[in-house]
Amino acid sequence: MEKNWYESKTKWAALLIAVGPVLTTLGGMLSGHLDIVSGVEVLMVQVGAVLAVFGIRDLPFVNKE
């Protein structure tokens, strides 16, 4: 039986670790300390890193049972 994504401690850790940098980047964009183009580029890297953790965690050779 395959567990749901929200039952994975690794995925929760990835989400929680990503919240800080993402909120910092959004705050910088909203306050004007970071221009929109640079902010979007940084956000793409941050979100991509979290999605990579999700994808790597689901690879068959990582999840041998």
N, C-alpha and C. Protein backbone atom coordinates (compact mmCIF):
# COMPACT_ATOMS: atom_id res chain seq x y z
N MET A 1 0.85 -1.19 0.00
CA MET A 1 0.00 0.00 0.00
C MET A 1 0.88 1.24 0.00
N GLU A 2 0.61 2.14 -0.92
CA GLU A 2 1.40 3.35 -1.05
C GLU A 2 0.81 4.44 -0.15
N LYS A 3 1.70 5.12 0.60
CA LYS A 3 1.19 6.16 1.49
C LYS A 3 1.05 7.48 0.74
N ASN A 4 0.20 8.33 1.26
CA ASN A 4 -0.03 9.64 0.66
C ASN A 4 1.17 10.55 0.91
N TRP A 5 1.31 11.60 0.09
CA TRP A 5 2.47 12.48 0.21
C TRP A 5 2.54 13.12 1.60
N TYR A 6 1.40 13.44 2.19
CA TYR A 6 1.40 14.14 3.48
C TYR A 6 1.76 13.22 4.65
N GLU A 7 1.93 11.94 4.38
CA GLU A 7 2.38 11.01 5.41
C GLU A 7 3.90 10.83 5.40
N SER A 8 4.59 11.54 4.52
CA SER A 8 6.04 11.42 4.39
C SER A 8 6.74 12.51 5.21
N LYS A 9 7.59 12.09 6.13
CA LYS A 9 8.35 13.05 6.93
C LYS A 9 9.34 13.82 6.08
N THR A 10 9.90 13.18 5.06
CA THR A 10 10.85 13.85 4.18
C THR A 10 10.18 14.98 3.41
N LYS A 11 8.98 14.73 2.93
CA LYS A 11 8.28 15.76 2.16
C LYS A 11 7.85 16.92 3.06
N TRP A 12 7.43 16.63 4.29
CA TRP A 12 7.10 17.70 5.22
C TRP A 12 8.33 18.53 5.54
N ALA A 13 9.47 17.86 5.73
CA ALA A 13 10.71 18.58 6.01
C ALA A 13 11.07 19.49 4.84
N ALA A 14 10.93 19.00 3.62
CA ALA A 14 11.24 19.82 2.44
C ALA A 14 10.33 21.05 2.38
N LEU A 15 9.06 20.86 2.67
CA LEU A 15 8.14 21.99 2.66
C LEU A 15 8.47 23.00 3.75
N LEU A 16 8.75 22.51 4.94
CA LEU A 16 9.04 23.42 6.05
C LEU A 16 10.36 24.16 5.84
N ILE A 17 11.35 23.49 5.29
CA ILE A 17 12.63 24.13 5.01
C ILE A 17 12.47 25.19 3.92
N ALA A 18 11.57 24.98 2.98
CA ALA A 18 11.38 25.91 1.88
C ALA A 18 10.59 27.15 2.28
N VAL A 19 9.80 27.07 3.32
CA VAL A 19 8.93 28.19 3.69
C VAL A 19 9.74 29.45 4.00
N GLY A 20 10.83 29.33 4.74
CA GLY A 20 11.63 30.50 5.14
C GLY A 20 12.18 31.27 3.95
N PRO A 21 12.96 30.62 3.09
CA PRO A 21 13.49 31.36 1.93
C PRO A 21 12.42 31.91 1.00
N VAL A 22 11.36 31.17 0.80
CA VAL A 22 10.30 31.64 -0.10
C VAL A 22 9.64 32.88 0.48
N LEU A 23 9.33 32.87 1.77
CA LEU A 23 8.72 34.04 2.39
C LEU A 23 9.67 35.23 2.41
N THR A 24 10.96 34.97 2.60
CA THR A 24 11.95 36.05 2.56
C THR A 24 12.01 36.68 1.17
N THR A 25 12.01 35.85 0.14
CA THR A 25 12.03 36.36 -1.22
C THR A 25 10.76 37.14 -1.53
N LEU A 26 9.60 36.60 -1.17
CA LEU A 26 8.35 37.31 -1.40
C LEU A 26 8.32 38.64 -0.64
N GLY A 27 8.81 38.63 0.59
CA GLY A 27 8.86 39.87 1.37
C GLY A 27 9.76 40.91 0.72
N GLY A 28 10.90 40.47 0.20
CA GLY A 28 11.80 41.39 -0.49
C GLY A 28 11.17 41.97 -1.74
N MET A 29 10.41 41.14 -2.45
CA MET A 29 9.74 41.63 -3.66
C MET A 29 8.63 42.63 -3.30
N LEU A 30 7.85 42.32 -2.27
CA LEU A 30 6.75 43.20 -1.89
C LEU A 30 7.22 44.51 -1.29
N SER A 31 8.36 44.48 -0.60
CA SER A 31 8.86 45.71 0.03
C SER A 31 9.68 46.56 -0.94
N GLY A 32 10.03 46.02 -2.09
CA GLY A 32 10.78 46.77 -3.08
C GLY A 32 12.28 46.61 -2.98
N HIS A 33 12.77 45.80 -2.05
CA HIS A 33 14.20 45.56 -1.91
C HIS A 33 14.73 44.62 -2.99
N LEU A 34 13.85 43.90 -3.62
CA LEU A 34 14.21 42.94 -4.66
C LEU A 34 13.29 43.17 -5.85
N ASP A 35 13.89 43.39 -7.03
CA ASP A 35 13.02 43.64 -8.18
C ASP A 35 12.29 42.36 -8.58
N ILE A 36 11.19 42.53 -9.28
CA ILE A 36 10.29 41.42 -9.61
C ILE A 36 10.99 40.34 -10.44
N VAL A 37 11.77 40.73 -11.43
CA VAL A 37 12.41 39.74 -12.31
C VAL A 37 13.39 38.88 -11.51
N SER A 38 14.22 39.51 -10.70
CA SER A 38 15.17 38.76 -9.87
C SER A 38 14.43 37.89 -8.86
N GLY A 39 13.37 38.43 -8.28
CA GLY A 39 12.59 37.68 -7.30
C GLY A 39 11.96 36.44 -7.89
N VAL A 40 11.42 36.57 -9.09
CA VAL A 40 10.81 35.41 -9.75
C VAL A 40 11.87 34.36 -10.06
N GLU A 41 13.04 34.80 -10.50
CA GLU A 41 14.12 33.85 -10.77
C GLU A 41 14.52 33.09 -9.50
N VAL A 42 14.64 33.79 -8.39
CA VAL A 42 15.00 33.16 -7.13
C VAL A 42 13.89 32.21 -6.68
N LEU A 43 12.65 32.63 -6.81
CA LEU A 43 11.52 31.77 -6.43
C LEU A 43 11.49 30.48 -7.25
N MET A 44 11.82 30.59 -8.53
CA MET A 44 11.83 29.39 -9.38
C MET A 44 12.87 28.39 -8.88
N VAL A 45 14.02 28.88 -8.47
CA VAL A 45 15.06 27.99 -7.94
C VAL A 45 14.60 27.36 -6.63
N GLN A 46 14.01 28.16 -5.76
CA GLN A 46 13.56 27.65 -4.46
C GLN A 46 12.46 26.61 -4.62
N VAL A 47 11.48 26.89 -5.45
CA VAL A 47 10.38 25.94 -5.66
C VAL A 47 10.91 24.70 -6.38
N GLY A 48 11.82 24.89 -7.32
CA GLY A 48 12.41 23.76 -8.02
C GLY A 48 13.17 22.83 -7.10
N ALA A 49 13.85 23.39 -6.11
CA ALA A 49 14.58 22.56 -5.14
C ALA A 49 13.61 21.70 -4.34
N VAL A 50 12.51 22.26 -3.93
CA VAL A 50 11.52 21.49 -3.16
C VAL A 50 10.91 20.40 -4.04
N LEU A 51 10.57 20.74 -5.26
CA LEU A 51 10.00 19.74 -6.16
C LEU A 51 11.01 18.64 -6.48
N ALA A 52 12.29 19.00 -6.51
CA ALA A 52 13.32 17.98 -6.73
C ALA A 52 13.35 16.99 -5.58
N VAL A 53 13.22 17.48 -4.36
CA VAL A 53 13.19 16.58 -3.21
C VAL A 53 11.99 15.65 -3.31
N PHE A 54 10.85 16.19 -3.71
CA PHE A 54 9.66 15.36 -3.89
C PHE A 54 9.90 14.30 -4.94
N GLY A 55 10.50 14.68 -6.07
CA GLY A 55 10.73 13.74 -7.16
C GLY A 55 11.78 12.71 -6.83
N ILE A 56 12.89 13.13 -6.24
CA ILE A 56 13.96 12.21 -5.89
C ILE A 56 13.47 11.19 -4.87
N ARG A 57 12.65 11.65 -3.95
CA ARG A 57 12.14 10.77 -2.91
C ARG A 57 11.25 9.67 -3.49
N ASP A 58 10.65 9.92 -4.64
CA ASP A 58 9.74 8.94 -5.25
C ASP A 58 10.40 8.02 -6.26
N LEU A 59 11.71 8.16 -6.48
CA LEU A 59 12.38 7.29 -7.43
C LEU A 59 12.37 5.85 -6.93
N PRO A 60 12.18 4.90 -7.83
CA PRO A 60 12.07 3.49 -7.40
C PRO A 60 13.31 2.97 -6.66
N PHE A 61 14.53 3.35 -7.08
CA PHE A 61 15.70 2.80 -6.41
C PHE A 61 15.94 3.42 -5.04
N VAL A 62 15.29 4.54 -4.74
CA VAL A 62 15.39 5.15 -3.41
C VAL A 62 14.38 4.48 -2.47
N ASN A 63 13.24 4.11 -2.99
CA ASN A 63 12.15 3.55 -2.19
C ASN A 63 12.05 2.04 -2.32
N LYS A 64 13.14 1.36 -2.15
CA LYS A 64 13.08 -0.11 -2.20
C LYS A 64 12.34 -0.62 -0.98
N GLU A 65 11.49 -1.57 -1.20
CA GLU A 65 10.74 -2.13 -0.07
C GLU A 65 11.18 -3.54 0.22
